[in-house]
PDB file of N, CA and C in Angstrom:
ATOM      1  N   MET A   1     199.437 157.275  51.320  1.00  0.00           N
ATOM      2  CA  MET A   1     200.031 156.275  52.179  1.00  0.00           C
ATOM      3  C   MET A   1     199.690 154.841  51.770  1.00  0.00           C
ATOM      4  N   PRO A   2     198.653 154.549  51.031  1.00  0.00           N
ATOM      5  CA  PRO A   2     198.377 153.168  50.628  1.00  0.00           C
ATOM      6  C   PRO A   2     199.533 152.557  49.849  1.00  0.00           C
ATOM      7  N   ASP A   3     200.276 153.391  49.093  1.00  0.00           N
ATOM      8  CA  ASP A   3     201.398 152.860  48.330  1.00  0.00           C
ATOM      9  C   ASP A   3     202.474 152.288  49.256  1.00  0.00           C
ATOM     10  N   VAL A   4     202.684 152.922  50.379  1.00  0.00           N
ATOM     11  CA  VAL A   4     203.678 152.448  51.331  1.00  0.00           C
ATOM     12  C   VAL A   4     203.258 151.095  51.887  1.00  0.00           C
ATOM     13  N   ASP A   5     201.979 150.945  52.235  1.00  0.00           N
ATOM     14  CA  ASP A   5     201.488 149.676  52.763  1.00  0.00           C
ATOM     15  C   ASP A   5     201.613 148.568  51.733  1.00  0.00           C
ATOM     16  N   GLU A   6     201.275 148.870  50.491  1.00  0.00           N
ATOM     17  CA  GLU A   6     201.379 147.853  49.444  1.00  0.00           C
ATOM     18  C   GLU A   6     202.829 147.446  49.238  1.00  0.00           C
ATOM     19  N   GLY A   7     203.734 148.406  49.249  1.00  0.00           N
ATOM     20  CA  GLY A   7     205.146 148.101  49.095  1.00  0.00           C
ATOM     21  C   GLY A   7     205.650 147.215  50.220  1.00  0.00           C
ATOM     22  N   TRP A   8     205.195 147.490  51.432  1.00  0.00           N
ATOM     23  CA  TRP A   8     205.598 146.686  52.577  1.00  0.00           C
ATOM     24  C   TRP A   8     205.061 145.263  52.436  1.00  0.00           C
ATOM     25  N   GLN A   9     203.822 145.153  51.984  1.00  0.00           N
ATOM     26  CA  GLN A   9     203.205 143.835  51.816  1.00  0.00           C
ATOM     27  C   GLN A   9     203.949 143.041  50.743  1.00  0.00           C
ATOM     28  N   GLU A  10     204.299 143.696  49.642  1.00  0.00           N
ATOM     29  CA  GLU A  10     205.041 143.012  48.591  1.00  0.00           C
ATOM     30  C   GLU A  10     206.409 142.584  49.104  1.00  0.00           C
ATOM     31  N   GLN A  11     207.057 143.437  49.867  1.00  0.00           N
ATOM     32  CA  GLN A  11     208.364 143.098  50.440  1.00  0.00           C
ATOM     33  C   GLN A  11     208.220 141.890  51.365  1.00  0.00           C
ATOM     34  N   ARG A  12     207.161 141.861  52.148  1.00  0.00           N
ATOM     35  CA  ARG A  12     206.934 140.764  53.082  1.00  0.00           C
ATOM     36  C   ARG A  12     206.721 139.456  52.316  1.00  0.00           C
ATOM     37  N   GLU A  13     205.957 139.498  51.250  1.00  0.00           N
ATOM     38  CA  GLU A  13     205.743 138.298  50.445  1.00  0.00           C
ATOM     39  C   GLU A  13     207.057 137.845  49.810  1.00  0.00           C
ATOM     40  N   THR A  14     207.837 138.786  49.360  1.00  0.00           N
ATOM     41  CA  THR A  14     209.128 138.459  48.770  1.00  0.00           C
ATOM     42  C   THR A  14     210.022 137.800  49.813  1.00  0.00           C
ATOM     43  N   GLU A  15     209.995 138.317  51.030  1.00  0.00           N
ATOM     44  CA  GLU A  15     210.784 137.741  52.119  1.00  0.00           C
ATOM     45  C   GLU A  15     210.330 136.311  52.409  1.00  0.00           C
ATOM     46  N   ALA A  16     209.036 136.085  52.438  1.00  0.00           N
ATOM     47  CA  ALA A  16     208.507 134.748  52.691  1.00  0.00           C
ATOM     48  C   ALA A  16     208.900 133.795  51.561  1.00  0.00           C
ATOM     49  N   GLU A  17     208.816 134.272  50.334  1.00  0.00           N
ATOM     50  CA  GLU A  17     209.205 133.439  49.200  1.00  0.00           C
ATOM     51  C   GLU A  17     210.698 133.112  49.265  1.00  0.00           C
ATOM     52  N   ARG A  18     211.491 134.100  49.640  1.00  0.00           N
ATOM     53  CA  ARG A  18     212.938 133.874  49.764  1.00  0.00           C
ATOM     54  C   ARG A  18     213.221 132.801  50.809  1.00  0.00           C
ATOM     55  N   ARG A  19     212.508 132.861  51.930  1.00  0.00           N
ATOM     56  CA  ARG A  19     212.688 131.843  52.977  1.00  0.00           C
ATOM     57  C   ARG A  19     212.301 130.466  52.478  1.00  0.00           C
ATOM     58  N   ARG A  20     211.193 130.379  51.709  1.00  0.00           N
ATOM     59  CA  ARG A  20     210.780 129.087  51.166  1.00  0.00           C
ATOM     60  C   ARG A  20     211.820 128.533  50.199  1.00  0.00           C
ATOM     61  N   ARG A  21     212.337 129.412  49.332  1.00  0.00           N
ATOM     62  CA  ARG A  21     213.361 128.963  48.378  1.00  0.00           C
ATOM     63  C   ARG A  21     214.613 128.502  49.103  1.00  0.00           C
ATOM     64  N   ARG A  22     215.004 129.247  50.127  1.00  0.00           N
ATOM     65  CA  ARG A  22     216.204 128.891  50.892  1.00  0.00           C
ATOM     66  C   ARG A  22     216.012 127.554  51.603  1.00  0.00           C
ATOM     67  N   ALA A  23     214.846 127.341  52.205  1.00  0.00           N
ATOM     68  CA  ALA A  23     214.567 126.084  52.894  1.00  0.00           C
ATOM     69  C   ALA A  23     214.608 124.916  51.907  1.00  0.00           C
ATOM     70  N   ARG A  24     214.026 125.118  50.721  1.00  0.00           N
ATOM     71  CA  ARG A  24     214.048 124.069  49.704  1.00  0.00           C
ATOM     72  C   ARG A  24     215.483 123.766  49.279  1.00  0.00           C
ATOM     73  N   PHE A  25     216.278 124.815  49.079  1.00  0.00           N
ATOM     74  CA  PHE A  25     217.671 124.640  48.694  1.00  0.00           C
ATOM     75  C   PHE A  25     218.436 123.852  49.752  1.00  0.00           C
ATOM     76  N   LEU A  26     218.249 124.212  51.025  1.00  0.00           N
ATOM     77  CA  LEU A  26     218.966 123.524  52.097  1.00  0.00           C
ATOM     78  C   LEU A  26     218.546 122.057  52.203  1.00  0.00           C
ATOM     79  N   ARG A  27     217.241 121.783  52.013  1.00  0.00           N
ATOM     80  CA  ARG A  27     216.780 120.389  52.029  1.00  0.00           C
ATOM     81  C   ARG A  27     217.421 119.594  50.899  1.00  0.00           C
ATOM     82  N   GLU A  28     217.430 120.180  49.690  1.00  0.00           N
ATOM     83  CA  GLU A  28     218.010 119.484  48.543  1.00  0.00           C
ATOM     84  C   GLU A  28     219.507 119.268  48.729  1.00  0.00           C
ATOM     85  N   ARG A  29     220.189 120.262  49.311  1.00  0.00           N
ATOM     86  CA  ARG A  29     221.624 120.130  49.543  1.00  0.00           C
ATOM     87  C   ARG A  29     221.905 119.011  50.538  1.00  0.00           C
ATOM     88  N   ALA A  30     221.119 118.937  51.599  1.00  0.00           N
ATOM     89  CA  ALA A  30     221.296 117.874  52.590  1.00  0.00           C
ATOM     90  C   ALA A  30     221.024 116.507  51.969  1.00  0.00           C
ATOM     91  N   GLU A  31     220.002 116.437  51.130  1.00  0.00           N
ATOM     92  CA  GLU A  31     219.679 115.182  50.453  1.00  0.00           C
ATOM     93  C   GLU A  31     220.822 114.754  49.538  1.00  0.00           C
ATOM     94  N   ALA A  32     221.393 115.706  48.822  1.00  0.00           N
ATOM     95  CA  ALA A  32     222.519 115.396  47.926  1.00  0.00           C
ATOM     96  C   ALA A  32     223.722 114.917  48.735  1.00  0.00           C
ATOM     97  N   ARG A  33     223.973 115.537  49.876  1.00  0.00           N
ATOM     98  CA  ARG A  33     225.092 115.123  50.724  1.00  0.00           C
ATOM     99  C   ARG A  33     224.882 113.702  51.232  1.00  0.00           C
ATOM    100  N   GLU A  34     223.648 113.379  51.651  1.00  0.00           N
ATOM    101  CA  GLU A  34     223.361 112.027  52.126  1.00  0.00           C
ATOM    102  C   GLU A  34     223.569 111.004  51.020  1.00  0.00           C
ATOM    103  N   LEU A  35     223.116 111.320  49.821  1.00  0.00           N
ATOM    104  CA  LEU A  35     223.294 110.412  48.689  1.00  0.00           C
ATOM    105  C   LEU A  35     224.779 110.206  48.404  1.00  0.00           C
ATOM    106  N   ARG A  36     225.544 111.288  48.387  1.00  0.00           N
ATOM    107  CA  ARG A  36     226.983 111.186  48.134  1.00  0.00           C
ATOM    108  C   ARG A  36     227.660 110.341  49.210  1.00  0.00           C
ATOM    109  N   ASP A  37     227.246 110.516  50.467  1.00  0.00           N
ATOM    110  CA  ASP A  37     227.831 109.746  51.564  1.00  0.00           C
ATOM    111  C   ASP A  37     227.523 108.258  51.420  1.00  0.00           C
ATOM    112  N   ARG A  38     226.336 107.922  50.934  1.00  0.00           N
ATOM    113  CA  ARG A  38     225.991 106.510  50.729  1.00  0.00           C
ATOM    114  C   ARG A  38     226.795 105.908  49.586  1.00  0.00           C
ATOM    115  N   VAL A  39     227.013 106.706  48.548  1.00  0.00           N
ATOM    116  CA  VAL A  39     227.703 106.207  47.366  1.00  0.00           C
ATOM    117  C   VAL A  39     229.209 106.107  47.613  1.00  0.00           C
ATOM    118  N   GLN A  40     229.769 107.038  48.382  1.00  0.00           N
ATOM    119  CA  GLN A  40     231.217 107.060  48.630  1.00  0.00           C
ATOM    120  C   GLN A  40     231.487 107.088  50.128  1.00  0.00           C
ATOM    121  N   PRO A  41     231.275 105.973  50.824  1.00  0.00           N
ATOM    122  CA  PRO A  41     231.399 105.978  52.285  1.00  0.00           C
ATOM    123  C   PRO A  41     232.798 106.338  52.780  1.00  0.00           C
ATOM    124  N   ARG A  42     233.840 105.912  52.078  1.00  0.00           N
ATOM    125  CA  ARG A  42     235.191 106.208  52.547  1.00  0.00           C
ATOM    126  C   ARG A  42     235.468 107.706  52.487  1.00  0.00           C
ATOM    127  N   ARG A  43     235.071 108.323  51.383  1.00  0.00           N
ATOM    128  CA  ARG A  43     235.276 109.772  51.246  1.00  0.00           C
ATOM    129  C   ARG A  43     234.469 110.532  52.295  1.00  0.00           C
ATOM    130  N   ALA A  44     233.269 110.047  52.582  1.00  0.00           N
ATOM    131  CA  ALA A  44     232.428 110.699  53.591  1.00  0.00           C
ATOM    132  C   ALA A  44     233.081 110.611  54.966  1.00  0.00           C
ATOM    133  N   LYS A  45     233.654 109.460  55.280  1.00  0.00           N
ATOM    134  CA  LYS A  45     234.307 109.294  56.574  1.00  0.00           C
ATOM    135  C   LYS A  45     235.499 110.243  56.697  1.00  0.00           C
ATOM    136  N   VAL A  46     236.309 110.325  55.654  1.00  0.00           N
ATOM    137  CA  VAL A  46     237.469 111.217  55.663  1.00  0.00           C
ATOM    138  C   VAL A  46     237.014 112.665  55.831  1.00  0.00           C
ATOM    139  N   ALA A  47     235.939 113.048  55.138  1.00  0.00           N
ATOM    140  CA  ALA A  47     235.426 114.416  55.242  1.00  0.00           C
ATOM    141  C   ALA A  47     234.955 114.705  56.667  1.00  0.00           C
ATOM    142  N   ARG A  48     234.285 113.736  57.299  1.00  0.00           N
ATOM    143  CA  ARG A  48     233.836 113.923  58.688  1.00  0.00           C
ATOM    144  C   ARG A  48     235.026 114.093  59.630  1.00  0.00           C
ATOM    145  N   LEU A  49     236.066 113.277  59.431  1.00  0.00           N
ATOM    146  CA  LEU A  49     237.245 113.382  60.287  1.00  0.00           C
ATOM    147  C   LEU A  49     237.942 114.728  60.099  1.00  0.00           C
ATOM    148  N   ARG A  50     238.063 115.180  58.875  1.00  0.00           N
ATOM    149  CA  ARG A  50     238.681 116.488  58.616  1.00  0.00           C
ATOM    150  C   ARG A  50     237.875 117.617  59.254  1.00  0.00           C
ATOM    151  N   HIS A  51     236.551 117.515  59.121  1.00  0.00           N
ATOM    152  CA  HIS A  51     235.691 118.545  59.718  1.00  0.00           C
ATOM    153  C   HIS A  51     235.861 118.558  61.239  1.00  0.00           C
ATOM    154  N   ALA A  52     235.898 117.374  61.849  1.00  0.00           N
ATOM    155  CA  ALA A  52     236.078 117.295  63.301  1.00  0.00           C
ATOM    156  C   ALA A  52     237.417 117.899  63.713  1.00  0.00           C
ATOM    157  N   MET A  53     238.465 117.634  62.935  1.00  0.00           N
ATOM    158  CA  MET A  53     239.783 118.183  63.246  1.00  0.00           C
ATOM    159  C   MET A  53     239.765 119.710  63.150  1.00  0.00           C
ATOM    160  N   ARG A  54     239.107 120.231  62.129  1.00  0.00           N
ATOM    161  CA  ARG A  54     238.989 121.693  61.982  1.00  0.00           C
ATOM    162  C   ARG A  54     238.258 122.292  63.172  1.00  0.00           C
ATOM    163  N   MET A  55     237.179 121.647  63.596  1.00  0.00           N
ATOM    164  CA  MET A  55     236.410 122.168  64.716  1.00  0.00           C
ATOM    165  C   MET A  55     237.237 122.130  66.004  1.00  0.00           C
ATOM    166  N   ARG A  56     238.037 121.086  66.194  1.00  0.00           N
ATOM    167  CA  ARG A  56     238.882 120.995  67.381  1.00  0.00           C
ATOM    168  C   ARG A  56     239.934 122.090  67.404  1.00  0.00           C
ATOM    169  N   THR A  57     240.404 122.485  66.237  1.00  0.00           N
ATOM    170  CA  THR A  57     241.448 123.497  66.140  1.00  0.00           C
ATOM    171  C   THR A  57     241.004 124.828  66.748  1.00  0.00           C
ATOM    172  N   PHE A  58     239.736 125.163  66.606  1.00  0.00           N
ATOM    173  CA  PHE A  58     239.252 126.456  67.068  1.00  0.00           C
ATOM    174  C   PHE A  58     238.699 126.436  68.488  1.00  0.00           C
ATOM    175  N   ARG A  59     238.665 125.278  69.096  1.00  0.00           N
ATOM    176  CA  ARG A  59     238.154 125.180  70.455  1.00  0.00           C
ATOM    177  C   ARG A  59     239.165 125.751  71.433  1.00  0.00           C
ATOM    178  N   LEU A  60     238.686 126.456  72.448  1.00  0.00           N
ATOM    179  CA  LEU A  60     239.599 127.039  73.438  1.00  0.00           C
ATOM    180  C   LEU A  60     239.676 126.235  74.696  1.00  0.00           C
TER     181      LEU A  60
END
């Protein structure tokens, strides 16, 4: 049975590492979006308006 416990522990560490990588990816993606919005304000505004229109479409 020790093999089962070790496998579970390794899986748990892998899960934690996956969460850390995902969090880092999401932070970097948000940072890139903010930079793009600063560099191209008109395009960012249009994208926000389109997103708002899409969200309104699905509201009941």
